[in-house]
């Protein structure tokens, strides 16, 4: 996998594209207490915006994924790294 576009930050959301076996994928990272601003005002951020969150998407999915697929996000749950082994 390789990043094919420079990551961009928009409305507190970091977005990057990657190419994996000739298929495009998207990555979105939202820091806690940041929500996207939607072009369509009927969309809402239905994720837990009090936590850092990450999603890996296909290139057909846009920022609306915060509204349409809120259970697909991964959340940061702890800063504790003592249980990690190298």
N, C-alpha and C. Protein backbone atom coordinates (compact mmCIF):
# COMPACT_ATOMS: atom_id res chain seq x y z
N UNK A 1 0.85 -1.17 0.00
CA UNK A 1 0.00 0.00 0.00
C UNK A 1 0.90 1.23 0.00
N UNK A 2 0.48 2.26 -0.69
CA UNK A 2 1.24 3.51 -0.66
C UNK A 2 0.27 4.68 -0.71
N UNK A 3 0.64 5.75 -0.05
CA UNK A 3 -0.18 6.96 -0.08
C UNK A 3 0.00 7.61 -1.44
N UNK A 4 -1.10 7.96 -2.10
CA UNK A 4 -1.00 8.56 -3.43
C UNK A 4 -1.37 10.03 -3.44
N UNK A 5 -1.86 10.52 -2.32
CA UNK A 5 -2.13 11.96 -2.25
C UNK A 5 -1.68 12.46 -0.90
N UNK A 6 -1.32 13.71 -0.85
CA UNK A 6 -0.94 14.30 0.42
C UNK A 6 -2.16 14.38 1.31
N UNK A 7 -1.98 14.01 2.57
CA UNK A 7 -3.12 14.16 3.49
C UNK A 7 -3.55 15.62 3.56
N UNK A 8 -4.85 15.83 3.65
CA UNK A 8 -5.37 17.19 3.80
C UNK A 8 -6.19 17.26 5.07
N UNK A 9 -6.22 18.40 5.67
CA UNK A 9 -7.05 18.63 6.85
C UNK A 9 -8.15 19.61 6.46
N UNK A 10 -9.38 19.22 6.75
CA UNK A 10 -10.52 20.07 6.44
C UNK A 10 -11.54 19.94 7.56
N UNK A 11 -11.90 21.06 8.14
CA UNK A 11 -12.89 21.08 9.23
C UNK A 11 -12.49 20.16 10.38
N UNK A 12 -11.20 20.04 10.66
CA UNK A 12 -10.74 19.20 11.76
C UNK A 12 -10.66 17.73 11.43
N UNK A 13 -10.85 17.37 10.16
CA UNK A 13 -10.79 15.98 9.72
C UNK A 13 -9.59 15.83 8.79
N UNK A 14 -8.77 14.81 9.02
CA UNK A 14 -7.65 14.53 8.14
C UNK A 14 -8.08 13.44 7.16
N UNK A 15 -7.87 13.70 5.88
CA UNK A 15 -8.30 12.79 4.82
C UNK A 15 -7.08 12.45 3.96
N UNK A 16 -6.87 11.16 3.66
CA UNK A 16 -5.79 10.73 2.78
C UNK A 16 -6.29 9.60 1.91
N UNK A 17 -5.72 9.49 0.73
CA UNK A 17 -6.04 8.40 -0.20
C UNK A 17 -4.86 7.45 -0.27
N UNK A 18 -5.14 6.18 -0.52
CA UNK A 18 -4.09 5.18 -0.70
C UNK A 18 -4.47 4.27 -1.85
N UNK A 19 -3.47 3.64 -2.42
CA UNK A 19 -3.68 2.69 -3.50
C UNK A 19 -3.18 1.34 -3.02
N UNK A 20 -4.04 0.33 -3.08
CA UNK A 20 -3.68 -1.01 -2.65
C UNK A 20 -4.13 -1.98 -3.74
N UNK A 21 -3.17 -2.61 -4.40
CA UNK A 21 -3.47 -3.55 -5.48
C UNK A 21 -4.41 -2.93 -6.51
N UNK A 22 -4.11 -1.70 -6.91
CA UNK A 22 -4.85 -0.94 -7.92
C UNK A 22 -6.27 -0.55 -7.48
N UNK A 23 -6.56 -0.65 -6.21
CA UNK A 23 -7.85 -0.22 -5.68
C UNK A 23 -7.62 0.98 -4.77
N UNK A 24 -8.45 1.97 -4.93
CA UNK A 24 -8.34 3.17 -4.10
C UNK A 24 -9.05 2.96 -2.77
N UNK A 25 -8.44 3.49 -1.73
CA UNK A 25 -9.02 3.46 -0.40
C UNK A 25 -8.88 4.84 0.19
N UNK A 26 -9.73 5.17 1.11
CA UNK A 26 -9.64 6.45 1.79
C UNK A 26 -9.49 6.25 3.28
N UNK A 27 -8.82 7.18 3.92
CA UNK A 27 -8.64 7.17 5.36
C UNK A 27 -9.14 8.50 5.90
N UNK A 28 -9.93 8.46 6.94
CA UNK A 28 -10.36 9.69 7.59
C UNK A 28 -10.08 9.56 9.08
N UNK A 29 -9.46 10.59 9.62
CA UNK A 29 -9.18 10.66 11.05
C UNK A 29 -9.80 11.93 11.59
N UNK A 30 -10.54 11.80 12.67
CA UNK A 30 -11.13 12.96 13.33
C UNK A 30 -10.69 12.96 14.78
N UNK A 31 -10.04 14.02 15.19
CA UNK A 31 -9.65 14.15 16.59
C UNK A 31 -10.90 14.40 17.43
N UNK A 32 -10.80 14.04 18.70
CA UNK A 32 -11.92 14.25 19.61
C UNK A 32 -12.40 15.69 19.55
N UNK A 33 -13.69 15.86 19.61
CA UNK A 33 -14.39 17.16 19.62
C UNK A 33 -14.30 17.91 18.30
N UNK A 34 -13.95 17.20 17.21
CA UNK A 34 -14.01 17.77 15.87
C UNK A 34 -15.03 17.00 15.06
N UNK A 35 -15.87 17.70 14.36
CA UNK A 35 -16.86 17.09 13.48
C UNK A 35 -16.79 17.78 12.13
N UNK A 36 -17.06 17.02 11.07
CA UNK A 36 -17.03 17.65 9.75
C UNK A 36 -18.18 18.62 9.55
N UNK A 37 -17.98 19.55 8.64
CA UNK A 37 -19.07 20.44 8.20
C UNK A 37 -19.57 19.84 6.90
N UNK A 38 -20.84 19.50 6.86
CA UNK A 38 -21.41 18.82 5.71
C UNK A 38 -21.95 19.80 4.69
N UNK A 39 -21.71 19.52 3.40
CA UNK A 39 -22.28 20.37 2.35
C UNK A 39 -23.81 20.33 2.37
N UNK A 40 -24.37 19.17 2.72
CA UNK A 40 -25.81 19.01 2.82
C UNK A 40 -26.17 19.16 4.30
N UNK A 41 -26.87 20.20 4.67
CA UNK A 41 -27.13 20.50 6.08
C UNK A 41 -27.99 19.45 6.78
N UNK A 42 -28.56 18.49 6.05
CA UNK A 42 -29.36 17.46 6.71
C UNK A 42 -28.48 16.34 7.30
N UNK A 43 -27.18 16.30 6.96
CA UNK A 43 -26.28 15.31 7.53
C UNK A 43 -25.84 15.72 8.93
N UNK A 44 -25.63 14.74 9.80
CA UNK A 44 -25.17 14.97 11.17
C UNK A 44 -23.98 14.07 11.46
N UNK A 45 -23.14 14.48 12.37
CA UNK A 45 -22.07 13.60 12.84
C UNK A 45 -22.68 12.69 13.89
N UNK A 46 -22.91 11.44 13.53
CA UNK A 46 -23.52 10.48 14.44
C UNK A 46 -22.48 9.62 15.15
N UNK A 47 -21.18 9.93 14.98
CA UNK A 47 -20.13 9.20 15.69
C UNK A 47 -20.03 9.75 17.11
N UNK A 48 -19.21 9.09 17.94
CA UNK A 48 -18.94 9.59 19.28
C UNK A 48 -17.84 10.64 19.15
N UNK A 49 -18.23 11.88 18.96
CA UNK A 49 -17.26 12.94 18.67
C UNK A 49 -16.41 13.30 19.89
N UNK A 50 -16.67 12.71 21.03
CA UNK A 50 -15.84 12.94 22.21
C UNK A 50 -14.57 12.10 22.22
N UNK A 51 -14.41 11.24 21.19
CA UNK A 51 -13.23 10.38 21.11
C UNK A 51 -12.55 10.55 19.75
N UNK A 52 -11.22 10.29 19.71
CA UNK A 52 -10.52 10.21 18.43
C UNK A 52 -11.12 9.05 17.66
N UNK A 53 -11.29 9.21 16.33
CA UNK A 53 -11.86 8.13 15.54
C UNK A 53 -11.23 8.07 14.15
N UNK A 54 -11.25 6.85 13.59
CA UNK A 54 -10.61 6.56 12.31
C UNK A 54 -11.53 5.66 11.51
N UNK A 55 -11.57 5.87 10.20
CA UNK A 55 -12.30 4.98 9.31
C UNK A 55 -11.50 4.78 8.04
N UNK A 56 -11.58 3.57 7.50
CA UNK A 56 -11.00 3.24 6.20
C UNK A 56 -12.16 3.00 5.26
N UNK A 57 -12.15 3.68 4.12
CA UNK A 57 -13.31 3.67 3.23
C UNK A 57 -12.90 3.32 1.80
N UNK A 58 -13.90 3.15 0.96
CA UNK A 58 -13.64 3.09 -0.47
C UNK A 58 -13.69 4.51 -1.00
N UNK A 59 -13.23 4.72 -2.21
CA UNK A 59 -13.20 6.09 -2.72
C UNK A 59 -14.58 6.61 -3.12
N UNK A 60 -15.61 5.77 -3.07
CA UNK A 60 -16.96 6.25 -3.37
C UNK A 60 -17.61 6.93 -2.17
N UNK A 61 -17.04 6.75 -1.00
CA UNK A 61 -17.63 7.29 0.22
C UNK A 61 -16.98 8.61 0.58
N UNK A 62 -17.79 9.57 0.91
CA UNK A 62 -17.28 10.88 1.26
C UNK A 62 -17.47 11.18 2.73
N UNK A 63 -17.38 12.44 3.06
CA UNK A 63 -17.47 12.90 4.43
C UNK A 63 -18.82 12.55 5.07
N UNK A 64 -19.83 12.28 4.24
CA UNK A 64 -21.16 11.92 4.74
C UNK A 64 -21.13 10.62 5.53
N UNK A 65 -20.03 9.87 5.44
CA UNK A 65 -19.93 8.60 6.16
C UNK A 65 -20.06 8.79 7.67
N UNK A 66 -19.75 10.00 8.17
CA UNK A 66 -19.94 10.29 9.59
C UNK A 66 -21.42 10.20 9.97
N UNK A 67 -22.30 10.40 9.01
CA UNK A 67 -23.75 10.31 9.21
C UNK A 67 -24.28 8.94 8.81
N UNK A 68 -23.83 8.41 7.69
CA UNK A 68 -24.45 7.21 7.13
C UNK A 68 -23.91 5.90 7.70
N UNK A 69 -22.68 5.87 8.20
CA UNK A 69 -22.10 4.64 8.72
C UNK A 69 -21.35 4.87 10.04
N UNK A 70 -21.98 5.46 11.04
CA UNK A 70 -21.26 5.82 12.26
C UNK A 70 -20.70 4.63 13.04
N UNK A 71 -21.25 3.44 12.87
CA UNK A 71 -20.74 2.28 13.60
C UNK A 71 -19.53 1.64 12.93
N UNK A 72 -19.10 2.18 11.80
CA UNK A 72 -17.94 1.64 11.08
C UNK A 72 -16.61 2.25 11.53
N UNK A 73 -16.65 3.19 12.44
CA UNK A 73 -15.44 3.88 12.89
C UNK A 73 -14.72 3.09 13.98
N UNK A 74 -13.40 3.24 14.00
CA UNK A 74 -12.58 2.74 15.09
C UNK A 74 -12.33 3.90 16.04
N UNK A 75 -12.33 3.61 17.35
CA UNK A 75 -12.17 4.65 18.35
C UNK A 75 -10.94 4.39 19.20
N UNK A 76 -10.26 5.47 19.56
CA UNK A 76 -9.18 5.37 20.53
C UNK A 76 -9.83 5.20 21.89
N UNK A 77 -9.42 4.18 22.62
CA UNK A 77 -10.07 3.91 23.90
C UNK A 77 -9.16 4.15 25.11
N UNK A 78 -7.85 4.26 24.89
CA UNK A 78 -6.94 4.42 26.02
C UNK A 78 -5.60 4.99 25.57
N UNK A 79 -4.93 5.65 26.48
CA UNK A 79 -3.56 6.09 26.26
C UNK A 79 -2.55 5.13 26.89
N UNK A 80 -3.03 4.08 27.54
CA UNK A 80 -2.17 3.13 28.25
C UNK A 80 -1.44 2.24 27.25
N UNK A 81 -0.12 2.30 27.25
CA UNK A 81 0.67 1.46 26.36
C UNK A 81 1.46 0.41 27.13
N UNK A 82 1.21 0.25 28.43
CA UNK A 82 1.99 -0.69 29.24
C UNK A 82 1.72 -2.14 28.87
N UNK A 83 0.56 -2.43 28.30
CA UNK A 83 0.23 -3.81 27.93
C UNK A 83 0.75 -4.22 26.57
N UNK A 84 1.34 -3.29 25.84
CA UNK A 84 1.85 -3.60 24.50
C UNK A 84 3.21 -4.27 24.59
N UNK A 85 3.43 -5.25 23.74
CA UNK A 85 4.76 -5.87 23.69
C UNK A 85 5.37 -5.59 22.32
N UNK A 86 6.69 -5.56 22.26
CA UNK A 86 7.35 -5.22 21.00
C UNK A 86 7.60 -6.44 20.15
